[in-house]
Amino acid sequence: MRKLALNAVRQPANLSIDSKLMKEAKGLDVNVSRAAEAGIAEAVAAEKTRLWKLENRATIEAWNEYVEKHGIPLEEHRQF
């Protein structure tokens, strides 16, 4: 997981958050801004991963086909 920079330049944002969740978070002394930032960072990372897999699908499939047909290169040298 990406570590959030504590000294990063912050940009104000207006968010709509479920009022019960917000009340509970405040009652538990959760830093809502940091929690939202962490959630957004996680969503961004997941989307980047999804897009990378989509963009590289043909290469991944070609490699998998090669391995199925020919086996893993240098397999005889594997120690596991």
N, C-alpha and C. Protein backbone atom coordinates (compact mmCIF):
# COMPACT_ATOMS: atom_id res chain seq x y z
N MET A 1 0.84 -1.18 0.00
CA MET A 1 0.00 0.00 0.00
C MET A 1 0.89 1.25 0.00
N ARG A 2 0.47 2.26 -0.70
CA ARG A 2 1.21 3.51 -0.81
C ARG A 2 1.19 4.24 0.53
N LYS A 3 2.35 4.70 0.95
CA LYS A 3 2.42 5.48 2.18
C LYS A 3 2.11 6.93 1.84
N LEU A 4 1.24 7.54 2.60
CA LEU A 4 0.84 8.91 2.34
C LEU A 4 1.86 9.87 2.93
N ALA A 5 2.23 10.88 2.15
CA ALA A 5 3.19 11.87 2.61
C ALA A 5 2.50 12.85 3.55
N LEU A 6 3.05 12.97 4.73
CA LEU A 6 2.45 13.87 5.72
C LEU A 6 2.66 15.33 5.38
N ASN A 7 3.72 15.62 4.60
CA ASN A 7 4.01 17.01 4.26
C ASN A 7 3.60 17.35 2.83
N ALA A 8 2.75 16.53 2.21
CA ALA A 8 2.30 16.79 0.85
C ALA A 8 1.43 18.04 0.82
N VAL A 9 1.44 18.71 -0.32
CA VAL A 9 0.58 19.87 -0.51
C VAL A 9 -0.86 19.37 -0.55
N ARG A 10 -1.69 19.94 0.26
CA ARG A 10 -3.08 19.52 0.37
C ARG A 10 -3.98 20.43 -0.47
N GLN A 11 -5.02 19.82 -1.02
CA GLN A 11 -6.02 20.57 -1.78
C GLN A 11 -7.36 20.37 -1.11
N PRO A 12 -8.04 21.45 -0.77
CA PRO A 12 -9.36 21.30 -0.16
C PRO A 12 -10.32 20.61 -1.13
N ALA A 13 -11.23 19.81 -0.58
CA ALA A 13 -12.22 19.13 -1.41
C ALA A 13 -13.53 19.04 -0.65
N ASN A 14 -14.61 19.15 -1.38
CA ASN A 14 -15.93 18.97 -0.79
C ASN A 14 -16.36 17.53 -1.05
N LEU A 15 -16.68 16.81 0.01
CA LEU A 15 -17.10 15.42 -0.11
C LEU A 15 -18.46 15.24 0.56
N SER A 16 -19.25 14.37 -0.01
CA SER A 16 -20.51 13.99 0.64
C SER A 16 -20.29 12.62 1.26
N ILE A 17 -20.42 12.56 2.59
CA ILE A 17 -20.16 11.33 3.33
C ILE A 17 -21.40 11.02 4.17
N ASP A 18 -21.75 9.74 4.23
CA ASP A 18 -22.88 9.30 5.02
C ASP A 18 -22.78 9.90 6.43
N SER A 19 -23.84 10.55 6.87
CA SER A 19 -23.81 11.27 8.15
C SER A 19 -23.59 10.34 9.34
N LYS A 20 -24.15 9.14 9.30
CA LYS A 20 -23.93 8.19 10.40
C LYS A 20 -22.47 7.75 10.46
N LEU A 21 -21.88 7.52 9.29
CA LEU A 21 -20.48 7.14 9.24
C LEU A 21 -19.59 8.26 9.75
N MET A 22 -19.90 9.49 9.37
CA MET A 22 -19.12 10.64 9.82
C MET A 22 -19.21 10.80 11.33
N LYS A 23 -20.40 10.63 11.88
CA LYS A 23 -20.59 10.75 13.32
C LYS A 23 -19.77 9.67 14.05
N GLU A 24 -19.83 8.46 13.52
CA GLU A 24 -19.08 7.36 14.13
C GLU A 24 -17.57 7.61 14.05
N ALA A 25 -17.11 8.08 12.91
CA ALA A 25 -15.69 8.37 12.74
C ALA A 25 -15.22 9.44 13.73
N LYS A 26 -16.00 10.49 13.85
CA LYS A 26 -15.64 11.55 14.79
C LYS A 26 -15.65 11.04 16.22
N GLY A 27 -16.64 10.20 16.55
CA GLY A 27 -16.71 9.61 17.88
C GLY A 27 -15.52 8.73 18.20
N LEU A 28 -14.93 8.15 17.19
CA LEU A 28 -13.74 7.29 17.37
C LEU A 28 -12.44 8.07 17.16
N ASP A 29 -12.56 9.37 16.97
CA ASP A 29 -11.40 10.26 16.77
C ASP A 29 -10.60 9.88 15.52
N VAL A 30 -11.32 9.47 14.47
CA VAL A 30 -10.67 9.15 13.20
C VAL A 30 -10.40 10.45 12.45
N ASN A 31 -9.22 10.61 11.93
CA ASN A 31 -8.89 11.75 11.08
C ASN A 31 -9.55 11.49 9.73
N VAL A 32 -10.69 12.10 9.51
CA VAL A 32 -11.51 11.83 8.33
C VAL A 32 -10.78 12.24 7.05
N SER A 33 -10.07 13.34 7.07
CA SER A 33 -9.33 13.76 5.87
C SER A 33 -8.28 12.73 5.49
N ARG A 34 -7.53 12.27 6.47
CA ARG A 34 -6.49 11.25 6.19
C ARG A 34 -7.11 9.93 5.76
N ALA A 35 -8.22 9.56 6.39
CA ALA A 35 -8.88 8.31 6.02
C ALA A 35 -9.42 8.39 4.59
N ALA A 36 -10.01 9.53 4.23
CA ALA A 36 -10.50 9.71 2.86
C ALA A 36 -9.34 9.67 1.88
N GLU A 37 -8.25 10.33 2.21
CA GLU A 37 -7.08 10.34 1.34
C GLU A 37 -6.53 8.92 1.15
N ALA A 38 -6.48 8.16 2.22
CA ALA A 38 -5.99 6.77 2.12
C ALA A 38 -6.92 5.95 1.23
N GLY A 39 -8.21 6.14 1.38
CA GLY A 39 -9.18 5.41 0.55
C GLY A 39 -9.07 5.78 -0.91
N ILE A 40 -8.88 7.06 -1.19
CA ILE A 40 -8.72 7.52 -2.57
C ILE A 40 -7.43 6.97 -3.15
N ALA A 41 -6.35 6.98 -2.36
CA ALA A 41 -5.07 6.44 -2.83
C ALA A 41 -5.21 4.96 -3.18
N GLU A 42 -5.94 4.22 -2.36
CA GLU A 42 -6.16 2.80 -2.61
C GLU A 42 -6.97 2.60 -3.90
N ALA A 43 -7.99 3.42 -4.10
CA ALA A 43 -8.81 3.32 -5.31
C ALA A 43 -8.00 3.67 -6.56
N VAL A 44 -7.14 4.67 -6.46
CA VAL A 44 -6.28 5.06 -7.58
C VAL A 44 -5.32 3.92 -7.93
N ALA A 45 -4.71 3.33 -6.92
CA ALA A 45 -3.77 2.22 -7.15
C ALA A 45 -4.49 1.04 -7.79
N ALA A 46 -5.69 0.73 -7.32
CA ALA A 46 -6.45 -0.39 -7.88
C ALA A 46 -6.81 -0.12 -9.34
N GLU A 47 -7.18 1.10 -9.65
CA GLU A 47 -7.53 1.44 -11.03
C GLU A 47 -6.31 1.41 -11.94
N LYS A 48 -5.16 1.87 -11.44
CA LYS A 48 -3.92 1.81 -12.23
C LYS A 48 -3.56 0.35 -12.52
N THR A 49 -3.73 -0.52 -11.53
CA THR A 49 -3.45 -1.94 -11.72
C THR A 49 -4.40 -2.53 -12.76
N ARG A 50 -5.69 -2.21 -12.65
CA ARG A 50 -6.67 -2.72 -13.61
C ARG A 50 -6.33 -2.27 -15.03
N LEU A 51 -5.99 -1.00 -15.18
CA LEU A 51 -5.65 -0.47 -16.51
C LEU A 51 -4.37 -1.10 -17.05
N TRP A 52 -3.37 -1.31 -16.18
CA TRP A 52 -2.12 -1.93 -16.62
C TRP A 52 -2.39 -3.34 -17.15
N LYS A 53 -3.20 -4.10 -16.41
CA LYS A 53 -3.54 -5.46 -16.84
C LYS A 53 -4.28 -5.44 -18.16
N LEU A 54 -5.18 -4.48 -18.33
CA LEU A 54 -5.93 -4.36 -19.58
C LEU A 54 -5.00 -4.00 -20.74
N GLU A 55 -4.12 -3.04 -20.52
CA GLU A 55 -3.19 -2.60 -21.55
C GLU A 55 -2.18 -3.69 -21.93
N ASN A 56 -1.86 -4.56 -21.00
CA ASN A 56 -0.84 -5.59 -21.23
C ASN A 56 -1.43 -6.99 -21.40
N ARG A 57 -2.74 -7.06 -21.57
CA ARG A 57 -3.43 -8.35 -21.67
C ARG A 57 -2.85 -9.22 -22.78
N ALA A 58 -2.64 -8.66 -23.97
CA ALA A 58 -2.15 -9.45 -25.11
C ALA A 58 -0.78 -10.05 -24.81
N THR A 59 0.10 -9.29 -24.22
CA THR A 59 1.44 -9.78 -23.90
C THR A 59 1.37 -10.88 -22.84
N ILE A 60 0.56 -10.66 -21.83
CA ILE A 60 0.40 -11.66 -20.75
C ILE A 60 -0.16 -12.96 -21.32
N GLU A 61 -1.18 -12.84 -22.16
CA GLU A 61 -1.78 -14.04 -22.76
C GLU A 61 -0.77 -14.76 -23.66
N ALA A 62 0.01 -13.99 -24.43
CA ALA A 62 1.02 -14.60 -25.31
C ALA A 62 2.07 -15.34 -24.48
N TRP A 63 2.50 -14.74 -23.39
CA TRP A 63 3.49 -15.39 -22.53
C TRP A 63 2.91 -16.67 -21.92
N ASN A 64 1.69 -16.61 -21.44
CA ASN A 64 1.05 -17.79 -20.86
C ASN A 64 0.93 -18.92 -21.89
N GLU A 65 0.59 -18.57 -23.13
CA GLU A 65 0.51 -19.57 -24.20
C GLU A 65 1.89 -20.19 -24.45
N TYR A 66 2.92 -19.35 -24.46
CA TYR A 66 4.28 -19.84 -24.68
C TYR A 66 4.66 -20.84 -23.59
N VAL A 67 4.41 -20.48 -22.35
CA VAL A 67 4.76 -21.34 -21.22
C VAL A 67 3.98 -22.66 -21.29
N GLU A 68 2.70 -22.59 -21.66
CA GLU A 68 1.92 -23.82 -21.80
C GLU A 68 2.51 -24.73 -22.88
N LYS A 69 2.96 -24.14 -23.96
CA LYS A 69 3.48 -24.92 -25.08
C LYS A 69 4.92 -25.40 -24.84
N HIS A 70 5.76 -24.53 -24.30
CA HIS A 70 7.19 -24.81 -24.20
C HIS A 70 7.69 -25.03 -22.77
N GLY A 71 6.89 -24.74 -21.79
CA GLY A 71 7.35 -24.81 -20.41
C GLY A 71 8.05 -23.52 -20.01
N ILE A 72 8.49 -23.48 -18.78
CA ILE A 72 9.17 -22.29 -18.26
C ILE A 72 10.62 -22.30 -18.72
N PRO A 73 11.08 -21.19 -19.31
CA PRO A 73 12.49 -21.14 -19.73
C PRO A 73 13.42 -21.39 -18.53
N LEU A 74 14.46 -22.17 -18.78
CA LEU A 74 15.48 -22.49 -17.78
C LEU A 74 14.90 -23.22 -16.56
N GLU A 75 13.78 -23.91 -16.77
CA GLU A 75 13.12 -24.61 -15.67
C GLU A 75 14.04 -25.60 -14.98
N GLU A 76 14.97 -26.19 -15.74
CA GLU A 76 15.86 -27.20 -15.16
C GLU A 76 16.79 -26.58 -14.10
N HIS A 77 16.90 -25.27 -14.07
CA HIS A 77 17.78 -24.59 -13.10
C HIS A 77 17.02 -24.09 -11.87
N ARG A 78 15.70 -24.25 -11.86
CA ARG A 78 14.91 -23.79 -10.72
C ARG A 78 15.22 -24.63 -9.50
N GLN A 79 15.26 -24.00 -8.34
CA GLN A 79 15.53 -24.70 -7.09
C GLN A 79 14.29 -24.78 -6.20
N PHE A 80 13.14 -24.53 -6.78
CA PHE A 80 11.89 -24.61 -6.01
C PHE A 80 10.83 -25.28 -6.83
